[in-house]
C-alpha cells in the first residue's frame, strides 16, 4: 500500500472542508458578526494551506490508490477531518473545551446529530450553518465511500446494492471515485435544493430552511432550534421533512437512475421495498404502543408516530413532541428502528435494509430446507443470486454490530449512566442517530452536554465505528490485510 496516494486523496477531501468553511464566514459577514467571520476565514485558510501543501507535493500520486489504501482513506476521513472541522467550533466560543468541539465535529461528519451545544435558538448563524454543512459534507463523503470503495471491495455484501450508476469500470480506484463523486454530487445537490425550496415554501424561515435542508438530505439531524422540527409547530414542514428524510435514506443510485429516465429502479430494487415495509411496520408499532400506554403525544395522532418513526428509522434524529417522556416500549421501538437504519448507498446509518432482508431470507430458506431437505433452494436478492461469501460478510457485519453495541453499552455504563441510558447511547452512536439517546433522558434537547468527557469520548468512537462500517475496522486490524 502506498501511503502517498492515500494522503493525496485525503488532501482533496480536506480541500472540500476548507472551502466549506468560507460559507459560514460569508454568512457571519452578512450578519455583521466580524468575530465569527474571522474565526471561520482563518480556519478555512489554515485548512486550505494544509490541503494545498498535500495536493501540490503529492500531485499525481492519487492514481496509485489501491484497495487497501481506499479502506485506510475511509478511516482517515472520519477520524482526521473532524479535527480540522472542530477548530472554528472551539475558537468561536460555542463550546468551552477542545473535546466538546471535537465531539460536535465528529457528530456532524458522521451525520449522527448528537450535540453538546445548548440554547441553539440563540447561537450565531455561522455556527448553526457550519454544523449543517458538516453533516452535508459527511453525508456526501459517506455515499461516495459506500458506492465507490465499499461496494467495489464487496465489504459487508455492499456489492449487491443497486448499481445503475457508472462506476468507472476499467479505471483506477481514484478514477472510479472521481466518476462516482461527480454523479452523486449532482443528485445530492439537487435533492438539497428541492428540500430547501419545499421547506421554505412550507413556511420555514429562509435561513432555517437552508440549514435544515442540509441536515435532512444528509439524514443528519442537526437543527437550528432546541425543539428540533417540532419547534416550528407545522404539519406541512414535518411532511416535507419526512419525504426528504426518506429520499435521503434511499440508495442515491436510484435517484441518479431516475434523473436519467430510468424510473424502474424504484420498482425493481428490493431495498426500496424493504424500506417502505420497514416504515409501515415502525409507524404502526409506535402508534399501537402509544395507544396501549395511553401516551398523549401518540394517541389518535398519526402524524406524530409517522414523523418520529420515519426520522429514527432513517437515523436522521429530528423529532416532534416530548420524546423524552415517551413510554419505555415506544423508546425501545425507536431504538430497534434506528439500528435497522436506511438503505445501502445512502447517508443513513444502522445495519441497512438490504442486510436485514438477506438475514431474514436466509432464515426462511434454512427453515424451508428443514421441511424439504431434498429440494434445491437458493438465496437470491432481487434477480441476483447471493454467494456464500456474500451472505457470510453480512453475518460478520451483524455479529460485529451486536458485539460493538454490547461492548459500548458495558463501557458507557461504567462511566455513570444507568443500563437503559447506556444502551440508548451505544445504539444511537453505532447507528449514527445521536438524538435518539434523548428517549431515555429527561432532557430531550441535549443530554450529551450533561455527560462526562469519558462518556462522550466513547460515544465518539461508536459514531466512527458506525460510519466506517465495523467490517472495515476489522479488516484494517487484520495482520493479513497489511501483509497482502
Protein backbone atom coordinates (compact mmCIF):
# COMPACT_ATOMS: atom_id res chain seq x y z
CA UNK A 1 0.00 0.00 0.00
CA UNK A 2 1.38 3.41 -0.99
CA UNK A 3 0.74 5.95 1.75
CA UNK A 4 1.41 8.85 -0.64
CA UNK A 5 -1.71 8.01 -2.64
CA UNK A 6 -3.91 7.84 0.46
CA UNK A 7 -2.59 11.15 1.80
CA UNK A 8 -3.01 12.83 -1.60
CA UNK A 9 -6.68 11.83 -1.92
CA UNK A 10 -7.19 12.87 1.69
CA UNK A 11 -5.82 16.26 0.72
CA UNK A 12 -8.61 16.67 -1.83
CA UNK A 13 -11.21 15.81 0.82
CA UNK A 14 -9.64 18.33 3.21
CA UNK A 15 -9.77 20.92 0.44
CA UNK A 16 -13.54 20.44 0.30
CA UNK A 17 -13.78 21.04 4.05
CA UNK A 18 -11.62 24.16 3.88
CA UNK A 19 -13.73 25.64 1.08
CA UNK A 20 -16.91 24.93 3.05
CA UNK A 21 -15.56 26.96 6.00
CA UNK A 22 -15.71 30.14 3.90
CA UNK A 23 -19.51 29.79 3.61
CA UNK A 24 -20.21 30.46 7.33
CA UNK A 25 -17.51 33.16 7.17
CA UNK A 26 -19.56 34.86 4.47
CA UNK A 27 -22.74 34.32 6.48
CA UNK A 28 -21.13 35.90 9.53
CA UNK A 29 -20.05 38.89 7.45
CA UNK A 30 -23.61 39.37 6.17
CA UNK A 31 -24.84 39.19 9.80
CA UNK A 32 -22.17 41.77 10.76
CA UNK A 33 -20.57 39.20 13.07
CA UNK A 34 -16.94 40.11 12.40
CA UNK A 35 -15.56 37.92 15.18
CA UNK A 36 -17.02 34.69 13.82
CA UNK A 37 -16.19 35.79 10.30
CA UNK A 38 -12.51 36.00 11.28
CA UNK A 39 -12.64 32.62 13.05
CA UNK A 40 -14.09 30.78 10.05
CA UNK A 41 -11.99 32.65 7.49
CA UNK A 42 -8.77 31.88 9.36
CA UNK A 43 -9.81 28.26 9.94
CA UNK A 44 -10.58 27.86 6.25
CA UNK A 45 -7.26 29.42 5.30
CA UNK A 46 -5.29 27.16 7.65
CA UNK A 47 -7.11 24.02 6.46
CA UNK A 48 -6.65 25.16 2.88
CA UNK A 49 -2.92 25.61 3.46
CA UNK A 50 -2.57 22.02 4.67
CA UNK A 51 -4.75 20.70 1.84
CA UNK A 52 -2.82 22.70 -0.76
CA UNK A 53 0.53 21.57 0.59
CA UNK A 54 -0.55 17.93 0.43
CA UNK A 55 -2.00 18.18 -3.08
CA UNK A 56 0.92 20.14 -4.56
CA UNK A 57 3.62 17.94 -3.02
CA UNK A 58 1.90 14.68 -3.96
CA UNK A 59 0.14 15.69 -7.19
CA UNK A 60 -0.42 12.67 -9.43
CA UNK A 61 0.00 10.10 -6.66
CA UNK A 62 -3.79 9.73 -6.32
CA UNK A 63 -3.79 7.48 -9.38
CA UNK A 64 -1.82 4.91 -7.34
CA UNK A 65 -4.61 4.48 -4.76
CA UNK A 66 -5.13 0.77 -4.05
CA UNK A 67 -7.99 -1.14 -2.49
CA UNK A 68 -6.18 -1.34 0.83
CA UNK A 69 -5.46 2.37 0.61
CA UNK A 70 -9.16 3.00 -0.03
CA UNK A 71 -10.10 1.36 3.27
CA UNK A 72 -7.50 3.37 5.15
CA UNK A 73 -8.78 6.53 3.45
CA UNK A 74 -12.27 5.86 4.82
CA UNK A 75 -10.96 5.68 8.37
CA UNK A 76 -8.84 8.83 7.92
CA UNK A 77 -11.87 10.70 6.60
CA UNK A 78 -13.89 10.27 9.79
CA UNK A 79 -11.03 10.50 12.26
CA UNK A 80 -8.81 13.31 10.94
CA UNK A 81 -11.21 15.62 9.08
CA UNK A 82 -13.21 16.30 12.28
CA UNK A 83 -10.01 17.61 13.89
CA UNK A 84 -9.91 20.41 11.31
CA UNK A 85 -13.69 20.95 11.48
CA UNK A 86 -13.54 21.32 15.26
CA UNK A 87 -11.16 24.32 15.12
CA UNK A 88 -13.76 27.02 14.29
CA UNK A 89 -16.28 25.47 16.69
CA UNK A 90 -13.84 25.83 19.58
CA UNK A 91 -12.46 29.27 18.77
CA UNK A 92 -15.94 30.68 18.12
CA UNK A 93 -16.75 30.09 21.79
CA UNK A 94 -19.72 27.82 21.05
CA UNK A 95 -18.16 25.22 23.37
CA UNK A 96 -15.65 25.56 26.18
CA UNK A 97 -13.32 22.59 25.72
CA UNK A 98 -11.47 21.13 22.70
CA UNK A 99 -13.04 17.71 23.37
CA UNK A 100 -16.54 19.19 23.14
CA UNK A 101 -15.61 20.85 19.85
CA UNK A 102 -14.27 17.55 18.55
CA UNK A 103 -17.44 15.75 19.71
CA UNK A 104 -19.58 18.23 17.75
CA UNK A 105 -17.39 17.81 14.67
CA UNK A 106 -17.37 14.00 14.81
CA UNK A 107 -21.14 14.01 15.32
CA UNK A 108 -21.52 16.30 12.33
CA UNK A 109 -19.26 14.44 9.92
CA UNK A 110 -20.71 11.04 10.84
CA UNK A 111 -24.22 12.58 10.39
CA UNK A 112 -25.08 11.48 13.93
CA UNK A 113 -26.73 14.69 15.10
CA UNK A 114 -25.70 14.46 18.77
CA UNK A 115 -24.83 17.87 20.19
CA UNK A 116 -23.30 19.40 23.30
CA UNK A 117 -24.30 22.95 22.35
CA UNK A 118 -27.10 24.38 24.46
CA UNK A 119 -29.61 27.12 23.51
CA UNK A 120 -29.41 26.60 19.76
CA UNK A 121 -32.07 29.27 19.23
CA UNK A 122 -29.55 31.89 20.39
CA UNK A 123 -26.38 30.60 18.70
CA UNK A 124 -24.68 32.69 15.98
CA UNK A 125 -25.77 31.95 12.43
CA UNK A 126 -22.23 30.97 11.44
CA UNK A 127 -22.13 28.12 13.98
CA UNK A 128 -25.56 26.80 13.02
CA UNK A 129 -24.62 26.93 9.35
CA UNK A 130 -21.29 25.18 9.92
CA UNK A 131 -22.98 22.36 11.84
CA UNK A 132 -25.36 21.80 8.93
CA UNK A 133 -22.55 21.98 6.37
CA UNK A 134 -20.51 19.39 8.28
CA UNK A 135 -23.41 16.97 8.07
CA UNK A 136 -23.94 17.69 4.39
CA UNK A 137 -20.27 17.07 3.60
CA UNK A 138 -20.23 13.99 5.83
CA UNK A 139 -23.26 12.61 4.01
CA UNK A 140 -21.65 13.25 0.62
CA UNK A 141 -18.40 11.56 1.64
CA UNK A 142 -20.43 8.64 3.05
CA UNK A 143 -22.25 7.83 -0.17
CA UNK A 144 -19.08 8.26 -2.22
CA UNK A 145 -17.23 5.85 0.07
CA UNK A 146 -20.10 3.35 0.04
CA UNK A 147 -20.59 3.36 -3.73
CA UNK A 148 -17.01 3.97 -4.83
CA UNK A 149 -14.97 1.91 -2.35
CA UNK A 150 -17.01 -0.41 -0.11
CA UNK A 151 -19.26 -1.68 -2.92
CA UNK A 152 -16.22 -2.18 -5.17
CA UNK A 153 -14.47 -4.22 -2.48
CA UNK A 154 -17.63 -6.10 -1.51
CA UNK A 155 -17.43 -5.00 2.13
CA UNK A 156 -20.40 -6.33 4.09
CA UNK A 157 -22.23 -7.51 0.97
CA UNK A 158 -22.46 -3.97 -0.47
CA UNK A 159 -21.64 -5.25 -3.95
CA UNK A 160 -25.28 -6.36 -4.09
CA UNK A 161 -26.58 -2.78 -3.90
CA UNK A 162 -28.36 -1.25 -6.89
CA UNK A 163 -25.66 -0.27 -9.39
CA UNK A 164 -27.25 1.61 -12.29
CA UNK A 165 -24.81 4.46 -11.79
CA UNK A 166 -21.48 4.48 -13.68
CA UNK A 167 -18.61 3.18 -11.55
CA UNK A 168 -15.69 3.92 -13.85
CA UNK A 169 -15.08 0.32 -14.94
CA UNK A 170 -11.57 -0.16 -16.24
CA UNK A 171 -10.23 2.90 -14.44
CA UNK A 172 -8.03 3.19 -11.38
CA UNK A 173 -9.73 3.25 -7.98
CA UNK A 174 -9.28 7.02 -7.83
CA UNK A 175 -10.79 7.33 -11.32
CA UNK A 176 -13.82 5.35 -10.19
CA UNK A 177 -14.09 7.51 -7.08
CA UNK A 178 -13.96 10.69 -9.16
CA UNK A 179 -16.66 9.46 -11.55
CA UNK A 180 -18.91 8.30 -8.70
CA UNK A 181 -18.36 11.60 -6.89
CA UNK A 182 -19.40 13.67 -9.91
CA UNK A 183 -22.56 11.63 -10.43
CA UNK A 184 -23.54 11.64 -6.75
CA UNK A 185 -22.76 15.32 -6.18
CA UNK A 186 -25.24 16.33 -8.87
CA UNK A 187 -28.16 14.32 -7.48
CA UNK A 188 -27.27 15.04 -3.85
CA UNK A 189 -27.15 18.79 -4.53
CA UNK A 190 -30.41 18.67 -6.49
CA UNK A 191 -32.19 16.92 -3.62
CA UNK A 192 -30.84 19.53 -1.20
CA UNK A 193 -32.08 22.43 -3.32
CA UNK A 194 -35.51 20.84 -3.68
CA UNK A 195 -35.71 20.23 0.07
CA UNK A 196 -34.71 23.84 0.79
CA UNK A 197 -37.37 25.24 -1.55
CA UNK A 198 -40.03 22.89 -0.17
CA UNK A 199 -39.25 23.77 3.47
CA UNK A 200 -39.20 27.47 2.67
CA UNK A 201 -42.47 27.13 0.78
CA UNK A 202 -43.99 25.29 3.75
CA UNK A 203 -43.36 28.29 5.96
CA UNK A 204 -39.93 27.74 7.49
CA UNK A 205 -37.75 30.91 7.63
CA UNK A 206 -35.19 31.01 4.82
CA UNK A 207 -32.08 30.53 6.98
CA UNK A 208 -33.66 27.68 8.96
CA UNK A 209 -34.87 26.12 5.70
CA UNK A 210 -31.36 26.16 4.26
CA UNK A 211 -29.75 24.62 7.36
CA UNK A 212 -32.48 22.00 7.75
CA UNK A 213 -32.27 21.07 4.06
CA UNK A 214 -28.56 20.30 4.53
CA UNK A 215 -29.32 18.22 7.64
CA UNK A 216 -32.39 16.47 6.21
CA UNK A 217 -30.96 15.18 2.92
CA UNK A 218 -27.83 14.02 4.78
CA UNK A 219 -30.11 12.35 7.40
CA UNK A 220 -28.01 14.16 9.99
CA UNK A 221 -30.48 15.68 12.42
CA UNK A 222 -28.71 18.91 13.43
CA UNK A 223 -31.35 21.61 13.91
CA UNK A 224 -31.26 25.36 14.43
CA UNK A 225 -33.76 25.06 17.29
CA UNK A 226 -33.67 23.35 20.67
CA UNK A 227 -37.04 21.79 19.91
CA UNK A 228 -35.87 20.39 16.55
CA UNK A 229 -38.53 20.31 13.80
CA UNK A 230 -41.25 20.35 16.46
CA UNK A 231 -40.27 23.93 17.34
CA UNK A 232 -41.93 25.16 14.13
CA UNK A 233 -45.36 23.67 15.03
CA UNK A 234 -46.18 23.00 11.39
CA UNK A 235 -47.61 19.79 9.96
CA UNK A 236 -46.60 20.96 6.47
CA UNK A 237 -42.95 21.35 7.48
CA UNK A 238 -43.00 17.94 9.15
CA UNK A 239 -44.46 16.38 5.98
CA UNK A 240 -41.78 17.94 3.77
CA UNK A 241 -39.01 16.86 6.14
CA UNK A 242 -40.40 13.30 6.31
CA UNK A 243 -40.43 12.99 2.49
CA UNK A 244 -36.84 14.14 2.12
CA UNK A 245 -35.65 12.03 5.04
CA UNK A 246 -36.99 9.02 3.16
CA UNK A 247 -35.33 10.17 -0.08
CA UNK A 248 -32.05 10.68 1.79
CA UNK A 249 -32.31 7.19 3.30
CA UNK A 250 -32.69 5.57 -0.13
CA UNK A 251 -29.85 4.39 -2.34
CA UNK A 252 -28.65 7.50 -4.20
CA UNK A 253 -28.08 5.40 -7.30
CA UNK A 254 -31.87 5.03 -7.60
CA UNK A 255 -32.29 8.81 -7.72
CA UNK A 256 -29.46 9.12 -10.24
CA UNK A 257 -31.07 6.50 -12.46
CA UNK A 258 -34.48 8.21 -12.18
CA UNK A 259 -32.93 11.56 -13.12
CA UNK A 260 -31.62 9.87 -16.27
CA UNK A 261 -35.01 8.43 -17.20
CA UNK A 262 -34.74 5.01 -15.56
CA UNK A 263 -37.61 5.15 -13.06
CA UNK A 264 -37.95 1.39 -12.95
CA UNK A 265 -35.12 1.27 -10.42
CA UNK A 266 -37.53 2.24 -7.65
CA UNK A 267 -39.67 -0.76 -8.55
CA UNK A 268 -37.03 -3.43 -9.18
CA UNK A 269 -34.69 -2.61 -6.28
CA UNK A 270 -35.65 -4.89 -3.35
CA UNK A 271 -34.22 -2.50 -0.78
CA UNK A 272 -36.64 0.26 -1.75
CA UNK A 273 -39.49 -2.14 -0.95
CA UNK A 274 -37.82 -3.17 2.31
CA UNK A 275 -37.59 0.48 3.35
CA UNK A 276 -41.28 1.04 2.61
CA UNK A 277 -42.25 -2.06 4.60
CA UNK A 278 -40.00 -1.01 7.50
CA UNK A 279 -41.63 2.44 7.61
CA UNK A 280 -45.10 0.88 7.70
CA UNK A 281 -44.15 -1.56 10.46
CA UNK A 282 -42.35 1.10 12.54
CA UNK A 283 -45.14 3.67 12.37
CA UNK A 284 -47.84 1.08 13.08
CA UNK A 285 -45.94 -0.38 16.03
CA UNK A 286 -45.18 3.05 17.55
CA UNK A 287 -48.79 4.19 17.18
CA UNK A 288 -50.14 0.96 18.69
CA UNK A 289 -47.66 1.10 21.60
CA UNK A 290 -48.55 4.73 22.27
CA UNK A 291 -52.23 3.90 22.44
CA UNK A 292 -51.66 0.88 24.70
CA UNK A 293 -49.56 3.02 27.05
CA UNK A 294 -52.08 5.86 26.85
CA UNK A 295 -49.30 8.25 25.85
CA UNK A 296 -50.94 11.60 24.98
CA UNK A 297 -48.48 12.55 22.25
CA UNK A 298 -49.29 9.42 20.28
CA UNK A 299 -52.98 8.74 20.93
CA UNK A 300 -55.05 9.49 17.83
CA UNK A 301 -52.05 11.38 16.49
CA UNK A 302 -50.84 9.53 13.43
CA UNK A 303 -48.58 12.29 12.18
CA UNK A 304 -46.58 12.19 15.46
CA UNK A 305 -45.88 8.49 15.05
CA UNK A 306 -45.29 8.90 11.31
CA UNK A 307 -42.77 11.74 11.59
CA UNK A 308 -40.80 10.35 14.52
CA UNK A 309 -40.93 6.81 13.13
CA UNK A 310 -39.54 7.95 9.78
CA UNK A 311 -36.94 10.14 11.48
CA UNK A 312 -35.50 7.39 13.66
CA UNK A 313 -35.72 4.64 11.05
CA UNK A 314 -33.75 6.81 8.62
CA UNK A 315 -31.37 7.62 11.53
CA UNK A 316 -31.94 11.34 11.00
CA UNK A 317 -32.93 12.15 14.56
CA UNK A 318 -35.30 15.10 14.12
CA UNK A 319 -38.25 14.91 16.49
CA UNK A 320 -41.57 16.46 17.41
CA UNK A 321 -43.31 16.36 20.78
CA UNK A 322 -41.79 15.31 24.08
CA UNK A 323 -39.84 12.21 23.08
CA UNK A 324 -38.01 12.26 26.41
CA UNK A 325 -41.33 11.49 28.09
CA UNK A 326 -42.24 8.59 25.81
CA UNK A 327 -43.02 5.21 27.43
CA UNK A 328 -40.22 2.65 27.57
CA UNK A 329 -41.79 0.42 24.91
CA UNK A 330 -42.03 3.34 22.48
CA UNK A 331 -38.40 4.24 23.13
CA UNK A 332 -37.31 0.65 22.52
CA UNK A 333 -39.24 0.54 19.23
CA UNK A 334 -37.47 3.68 18.08
CA UNK A 335 -34.09 2.20 19.04
CA UNK A 336 -34.83 -1.00 17.10
CA UNK A 337 -35.81 1.13 14.09
CA UNK A 338 -32.60 3.16 14.13
CA UNK A 339 -30.49 0.01 14.49
CA UNK A 340 -32.12 -1.28 11.29
CA UNK A 341 -31.45 2.02 9.52
CA UNK A 342 -31.87 3.03 5.89
CA UNK A 343 -30.64 1.69 2.58
CA UNK A 344 -27.13 0.92 1.37
CA UNK A 345 -25.67 3.68 -0.77
CA UNK A 346 -27.44 6.28 1.38
CA UNK A 347 -26.39 8.65 4.14
CA UNK A 348 -28.27 6.65 6.78
CA UNK A 349 -26.59 4.59 9.48
CA UNK A 350 -27.71 1.31 11.01
CA UNK A 351 -27.42 -2.28 9.83
CA UNK A 352 -29.09 -1.39 6.48
CA UNK A 353 -32.32 -2.70 4.97
CA UNK A 354 -30.59 -4.91 2.42
CA UNK A 355 -28.75 -6.84 5.13
CA UNK A 356 -31.86 -7.19 7.27
CA UNK A 357 -33.71 -8.55 4.26
CA UNK A 358 -30.95 -11.04 3.45
CA UNK A 359 -30.73 -12.29 7.04
CA UNK A 360 -34.49 -12.84 7.15
CA UNK A 361 -34.50 -14.51 3.74
CA UNK A 362 -31.75 -16.88 4.77
CA UNK A 363 -33.66 -17.71 7.93
CA UNK A 364 -36.73 -18.67 5.91
CA UNK A 365 -34.53 -20.58 3.46
CA UNK A 366 -32.97 -22.67 6.24
CA UNK A 367 -36.43 -23.40 7.62
CA UNK A 368 -37.61 -24.48 4.16
CA UNK A 369 -34.59 -26.79 3.84
CA UNK A 370 -35.55 -28.49 7.10
CA UNK A 371 -39.05 -29.09 5.76
CA UNK A 372 -37.90 -30.20 2.28
CA UNK A 373 -34.26 -31.34 2.57
CA UNK A 374 -34.10 -32.75 -0.97
CA UNK A 375 -35.31 -29.58 -2.67
CA UNK A 376 -32.71 -27.27 -4.28
CA UNK A 377 -33.17 -23.82 -2.78
CA UNK A 378 -31.00 -20.79 -3.49
CA UNK A 379 -30.72 -17.46 -1.71
CA UNK A 380 -31.50 -14.57 -4.05
CA UNK A 381 -31.53 -10.79 -3.75
CA UNK A 382 -33.88 -9.50 -6.41
CA UNK A 383 -32.77 -11.16 -9.63
CA UNK A 384 -29.24 -11.84 -8.41
CA UNK A 385 -28.04 -15.00 -6.73
CA UNK A 386 -26.29 -14.49 -3.39
CA UNK A 387 -22.95 -16.27 -2.96
CA UNK A 388 -21.95 -17.91 0.30
CA UNK A 389 -19.14 -15.37 0.78
CA UNK A 390 -21.59 -12.50 0.39
CA UNK A 391 -24.08 -13.73 2.96
CA UNK A 392 -21.16 -14.61 5.26
CA UNK A 393 -19.97 -11.00 5.03
CA UNK A 394 -23.46 -9.83 6.00
CA UNK A 395 -23.42 -12.08 9.06
CA UNK A 396 -19.97 -10.80 10.05
CA UNK A 397 -21.30 -7.24 9.99
CA UNK A 398 -24.32 -8.31 12.06
CA UNK A 399 -22.21 -10.08 14.68
CA UNK A 400 -19.75 -7.18 14.74
CA UNK A 401 -22.59 -4.71 15.23
CA UNK A 402 -24.01 -6.70 18.15
CA UNK A 403 -20.56 -7.05 19.72
CA UNK A 404 -19.78 -3.33 19.45
CA UNK A 405 -23.25 -2.47 20.77
CA UNK A 406 -22.82 -4.77 23.78
CA UNK A 407 -19.27 -3.60 24.48
CA UNK A 408 -20.30 0.05 24.10
CA UNK A 409 -23.22 -0.43 26.50
CA UNK A 410 -20.92 -2.03 29.07
CA UNK A 411 -18.20 0.62 28.83
CA UNK A 412 -20.63 3.54 28.90
CA UNK A 413 -22.46 2.10 31.91
CA UNK A 414 -19.17 2.07 33.83
CA UNK A 415 -18.88 5.84 33.30
CA UNK A 416 -22.14 6.68 35.07
CA UNK A 417 -25.37 6.34 33.02
CA UNK A 418 -27.80 3.58 34.01
CA UNK A 419 -28.21 0.47 31.86
CA UNK A 420 -31.12 1.82 29.78
CA UNK A 421 -29.32 5.09 29.10
CA UNK A 422 -26.07 3.27 28.30
CA UNK A 423 -27.84 1.03 25.79
CA UNK A 424 -29.53 4.05 24.18
CA UNK A 425 -26.24 5.97 23.96
CA UNK A 426 -24.41 2.99 22.43
CA UNK A 427 -27.23 2.27 19.97
CA UNK A 428 -27.51 5.94 18.98
CA UNK A 429 -23.76 6.14 18.40
CA UNK A 430 -23.32 2.93 16.39
CA UNK A 431 -26.37 3.75 14.23
CA UNK A 432 -25.33 7.41 13.75
CA UNK A 433 -28.55 8.78 15.23
CA UNK A 434 -27.41 10.69 18.31
CA UNK A 435 -30.67 12.42 19.29
CA UNK A 436 -32.28 9.03 19.87
CA UNK A 437 -30.48 8.85 23.21
CA UNK A 438 -32.82 11.58 24.48
CA UNK A 439 -35.57 8.94 24.61
CA UNK A 440 -34.07 7.72 27.89
CA UNK A 441 -33.07 11.06 29.42
CA UNK A 442 -35.12 13.83 30.97
CA UNK A 443 -33.71 16.46 28.60
CA UNK A 444 -34.76 15.84 25.01
CA UNK A 445 -32.65 18.71 23.67
CA UNK A 446 -29.05 17.90 24.51
CA UNK A 447 -28.50 15.06 27.01
CA UNK A 448 -24.88 14.81 25.84
CA UNK A 449 -23.98 18.14 27.46
CA UNK A 450 -24.52 16.61 30.90
CA UNK A 451 -22.41 13.52 30.32
CA UNK A 452 -18.81 13.07 31.43
CA UNK A 453 -15.99 13.57 28.93
CA UNK A 454 -15.18 9.86 29.06
CA UNK A 455 -18.78 9.00 28.12
CA UNK A 456 -18.71 11.46 25.24
CA UNK A 457 -15.37 10.03 24.07
CA UNK A 458 -16.87 6.52 23.99
CA UNK A 459 -19.86 7.87 22.06
CA UNK A 460 -17.49 9.46 19.53
CA UNK A 461 -15.71 6.15 19.00
CA UNK A 462 -19.09 4.47 18.48
CA UNK A 463 -20.10 7.08 15.89
CA UNK A 464 -16.90 6.49 13.93
CA UNK A 465 -17.33 2.69 14.11
CA UNK A 466 -20.90 3.05 12.87
CA UNK A 467 -19.95 5.29 9.97
CA UNK A 468 -16.89 3.47 8.63
CA UNK A 469 -18.60 0.05 8.95
CA UNK A 470 -17.49 -2.49 11.55
CA UNK A 471 -16.13 -4.85 8.89
CA UNK A 472 -13.84 -2.08 7.57
CA UNK A 473 -12.30 -1.66 11.02
CA UNK A 474 -11.93 -5.44 11.46
CA UNK A 475 -10.23 -5.67 8.07
CA UNK A 476 -7.78 -2.92 8.94
CA UNK A 477 -6.98 -4.63 12.25
CA UNK A 478 -6.11 -7.88 10.47
CA UNK A 479 -2.35 -8.51 10.06
CA UNK A 480 -3.10 -10.29 6.78
CA UNK A 481 -4.51 -7.04 5.39
CA UNK A 482 -1.19 -5.25 5.86
CA UNK A 483 0.87 -8.18 4.57
CA UNK A 484 -1.23 -8.72 1.43
